[in-house]
C-alpha atoms as a PDB file:
ATOM      1  CA  MET A   1     -37.530  23.151   0.554  1.00  0.00           C
ATOM      2  CA  THR A   2     -38.223  26.036   2.903  1.00  0.00           C
ATOM      3  CA  ARG A   3     -36.628  29.408   2.313  1.00  0.00           C
ATOM      4  CA  ALA A   4     -34.207  28.401   5.817  1.00  0.00           C
ATOM      5  CA  ASP A   5     -33.499  25.229   4.761  1.00  0.00           C
ATOM      6  CA  MET A   6     -31.590  27.340   1.137  1.00  0.00           C
ATOM      7  CA  ILE A   7     -29.983  29.185   3.568  1.00  0.00           C
ATOM      8  CA  VAL A   8     -28.537  26.137   5.811  1.00  0.00           C
ATOM      9  CA  VAL A   9     -27.558  24.305   2.437  1.00  0.00           C
ATOM     10  CA  ILE A  10     -25.878  27.324   0.764  1.00  0.00           C
ATOM     11  CA  LEU A  11     -23.816  27.908   4.125  1.00  0.00           C
ATOM     12  CA  ALA A  12     -22.955  24.537   3.829  1.00  0.00           C
ATOM     13  CA  VAL A  13     -21.885  24.137   0.803  1.00  0.00           C
ATOM     14  CA  ALA A  14     -20.084  27.848   1.498  1.00  0.00           C
ATOM     15  CA  LEU A  15     -18.619  26.911   4.399  1.00  0.00           C
ATOM     16  CA  LEU A  16     -16.489  22.804   2.953  1.00  0.00           C
ATOM     17  CA  PRO A  17     -13.418  24.838   0.679  1.00  0.00           C
ATOM     18  CA  PHE A  18     -12.306  25.820   4.013  1.00  0.00           C
ATOM     19  CA  LEU A  19     -12.768  23.002   5.932  1.00  0.00           C
ATOM     20  CA  TYR A  20     -10.761  21.080   2.774  1.00  0.00           C
ATOM     21  CA  ILE A  21      -8.149  23.664   2.895  1.00  0.00           C
ATOM     22  CA  THR A  22      -8.315  23.501   7.034  1.00  0.00           C
ATOM     23  CA  TYR A  23      -8.043  19.821   7.892  1.00  0.00           C
ATOM     24  CA  TRP A  24      -7.067  18.354   4.798  1.00  0.00           C
ATOM     25  CA  GLY A  25      -4.647  20.736   2.253  1.00  0.00           C
ATOM     26  CA  PRO A  26      -0.532  20.817   1.802  1.00  0.00           C
ATOM     27  CA  PRO A  27       1.169  18.460   4.163  1.00  0.00           C
ATOM     28  CA  GLN A  28       3.980  19.576   6.560  1.00  0.00           C
ATOM     29  CA  GLN A  29       6.698  18.212   5.030  1.00  0.00           C
ATOM     30  CA  GLY A  30       8.120  15.287   8.089  1.00  0.00           C
ATOM     31  CA  ASP A  31      12.124  16.317  10.228  1.00  0.00           C
ATOM     32  CA  ALA A  32      11.618  12.925  12.436  1.00  0.00           C
ATOM     33  CA  LEU A  33      10.766   9.454  12.097  1.00  0.00           C
ATOM     34  CA  ARG A  34       9.602   7.687  15.032  1.00  0.00           C
ATOM     35  CA  VAL A  35      10.472   4.100  15.147  1.00  0.00           C
ATOM     36  CA  MET A  36       8.239   1.704  16.912  1.00  0.00           C
ATOM     37  CA  VAL A  37       8.357  -1.754  18.125  1.00  0.00           C
ATOM     38  CA  ASN A  38       5.459  -4.224  20.121  1.00  0.00           C
ATOM     39  CA  GLY A  39       3.999  -0.638  20.689  1.00  0.00           C
ATOM     40  CA  LYS A  40       7.065   1.310  22.563  1.00  0.00           C
ATOM     41  CA  GLU A  41       9.266   3.198  20.758  1.00  0.00           C
ATOM     42  CA  THR A  42      12.296   2.415  20.522  1.00  0.00           C
ATOM     43  CA  MET A  43      14.057   5.436  18.062  1.00  0.00           C
ATOM     44  CA  THR A  44      13.727   9.102  16.573  1.00  0.00           C
ATOM     45  CA  ILE A  45      15.614   9.923  14.220  1.00  0.00           C
ATOM     46  CA  SER A  46      16.181  13.053  12.066  1.00  0.00           C
ATOM     47  CA  LEU A  47      15.058  12.231   8.170  1.00  0.00           C
ATOM     48  CA  HIS A  48      17.780  15.308   7.165  1.00  0.00           C
ATOM     49  CA  GLU A  49      20.140  11.661   7.469  1.00  0.00           C
ATOM     50  CA  GLU A  50      20.649   9.492   4.579  1.00  0.00           C
ATOM     51  CA  LYS A  51      20.747   6.150   6.900  1.00  0.00           C
ATOM     52  CA  HIS A  52      20.098   2.105   6.705  1.00  0.00           C
ATOM     53  CA  ILE A  53      18.098   1.455   9.971  1.00  0.00           C
ATOM     54  CA  THR A  54      18.246  -2.169  11.066  1.00  0.00           C
ATOM     55  CA  VAL A  55      15.205  -2.539  13.812  1.00  0.00           C
ATOM     56  CA  GLN A  56      14.363  -6.398  15.570  1.00  0.00           C
ATOM     57  CA  GLY A  57      11.066  -6.671  15.454  1.00  0.00           C
ATOM     58  CA  SER A  58       9.480 -10.253  16.646  1.00  0.00           C
ATOM     59  CA  LEU A  59      10.074 -12.433  13.228  1.00  0.00           C
ATOM     60  CA  GLY A  60      13.842 -11.093  12.805  1.00  0.00           C
ATOM     61  CA  ASP A  61      15.487  -7.898  10.944  1.00  0.00           C
ATOM     62  CA  SER A  62      13.356  -4.920   9.108  1.00  0.00           C
ATOM     63  CA  VAL A  63      15.915  -2.519   7.362  1.00  0.00           C
ATOM     64  CA  ILE A  64      14.784   1.236   7.068  1.00  0.00           C
ATOM     65  CA  ASN A  65      15.847   3.249   4.762  1.00  0.00           C
ATOM     66  CA  ILE A  66      15.939   6.877   5.396  1.00  0.00           C
ATOM     67  CA  HIS A  67      16.738   9.124   2.433  1.00  0.00           C
ATOM     68  CA  GLU A  68      15.850  12.823   0.908  1.00  0.00           C
ATOM     69  CA  GLY A  69      13.461  13.839   4.282  1.00  0.00           C
ATOM     70  CA  LYS A  70      11.453  10.109   3.328  1.00  0.00           C
ATOM     71  CA  ALA A  71      11.072   7.253   5.064  1.00  0.00           C
ATOM     72  CA  ARG A  72      10.699   3.639   3.604  1.00  0.00           C
ATOM     73  CA  PHE A  73      10.643  -0.017   4.437  1.00  0.00           C
ATOM     74  CA  ILE A  74      13.993  -1.798   2.512  1.00  0.00           C
ATOM     75  CA  SER A  75      13.081  -5.317   3.544  1.00  0.00           C
ATOM     76  CA  SER A  76      11.720  -7.411   6.091  1.00  0.00           C
ATOM     77  CA  PRO A  77      11.091 -10.771   7.467  1.00  0.00           C
ATOM     78  CA  CYS A  78       6.940 -10.797   6.427  1.00  0.00           C
ATOM     79  CA  ARG A  79       4.574 -12.933   4.306  1.00  0.00           C
ATOM     80  CA  SER A  80       2.782  -9.838   2.495  1.00  0.00           C
ATOM     81  CA  LYS A  81       5.301  -7.628   2.926  1.00  0.00           C
ATOM     82  CA  GLN A  82       2.803  -4.954   2.701  1.00  0.00           C
ATOM     83  CA  CYS A  83       5.432  -1.721   5.327  1.00  0.00           C
ATOM     84  CA  VAL A  84       7.919  -2.663   2.279  1.00  0.00           C
ATOM     85  CA  HIS A  85       4.755  -1.786  -0.958  1.00  0.00           C
ATOM     86  CA  THR A  86       3.970   0.982   1.377  1.00  0.00           C
ATOM     87  CA  GLY A  87       6.493   3.405  -0.819  1.00  0.00           C
ATOM     88  CA  TRP A  88       8.355   6.009   0.438  1.00  0.00           C
ATOM     89  CA  LEU A  89       6.780   8.279   3.593  1.00  0.00           C
ATOM     90  CA  GLY A  90       7.514  12.303   3.826  1.00  0.00           C
ATOM     91  CA  HIS A  91       4.690  14.088   5.015  1.00  0.00           C
ATOM     92  CA  GLY A  92       4.002  14.693   9.224  1.00  0.00           C
ATOM     93  CA  GLY A  93       2.151  12.171  10.168  1.00  0.00           C
ATOM     94  CA  GLU A  94       2.167   9.314   7.390  1.00  0.00           C
ATOM     95  CA  PHE A  95       2.768   5.699   9.089  1.00  0.00           C
ATOM     96  CA  ALA A  96       3.914   2.801   8.129  1.00  0.00           C
ATOM     97  CA  ALA A  97       3.663  -1.161  10.043  1.00  0.00           C
ATOM     98  CA  CYS A  98       5.592  -5.017   9.395  1.00  0.00           C
ATOM     99  CA  LEU A  99       2.708  -6.344  11.613  1.00  0.00           C
ATOM    100  CA  PRO A 100       3.738  -9.405  11.674  1.00  0.00           C
ATOM    101  CA  ASN A 101       7.242  -7.948  12.627  1.00  0.00           C
ATOM    102  CA  ARG A 102       5.905  -5.651  15.311  1.00  0.00           C
ATOM    103  CA  VAL A 103       7.824  -2.927  13.877  1.00  0.00           C
ATOM    104  CA  SER A 104       5.975   0.640  12.878  1.00  0.00           C
ATOM    105  CA  ILE A 105       7.483   4.204  11.860  1.00  0.00           C
ATOM    106  CA  THR A 106       5.720   7.407  11.728  1.00  0.00           C
ATOM    107  CA  VAL A 107       6.824  10.884  10.135  1.00  0.00           C
ATOM    108  CA  ILE A 108       7.059  13.366  12.693  1.00  0.00           C
ATOM    109  CA  ALA A 109       6.452  16.968  11.507  1.00  0.00           C
ATOM    110  CA  GLN A 110       4.698  20.753  13.464  1.00  0.00           C
ATOM    111  CA  GLU A 111       2.222  19.791  12.587  1.00  0.00           C
ATOM    112  CA  GLN A 112       0.472  16.248  11.651  1.00  0.00           C
ATOM    113  CA  ARG A 113      -1.512  16.246   9.224  1.00  0.00           C
ATOM    114  CA  TYR A 114      -5.495  15.554   9.863  1.00  0.00           C
ATOM    115  CA  ASP A 115      -6.247  11.695   8.988  1.00  0.00           C
ATOM    116  CA  SER A 116      -8.077   9.124  10.587  1.00  0.00           C
ATOM    117  CA  ILE A 117      -5.828   8.332  12.812  1.00  0.00           C
ATOM    118  CA  VAL A 118      -5.054  11.903  14.605  1.00  0.00           C
ATOM    119  CA  PHE A 119      -7.914  12.725  15.676  1.00  0.00           C
END
């Protein structure tokens, strides 16, 4: 390994903490919840309201709960219930979907958290 190679490796290792803090650091708390059905936005709701929302999807009703700045699916007519098992979402960019019922929810914040969906 040459001296130039060693300098490049040291600079890359020194840059990693900065990149981690910038892109994968603490997420920002969400402000609102975007609800989509069949790929179309049906509503945007503040996460600061306590609510139960019933959304009509392809298979039936999905129920979404908003409580203390977080949201989650309570029930859905799909078989696997993966959307329900996703749990609470509260940070910008977090996402859950009931694909068979074609209902999805996304937490919206001033700055979305960097992940594979937001690029």
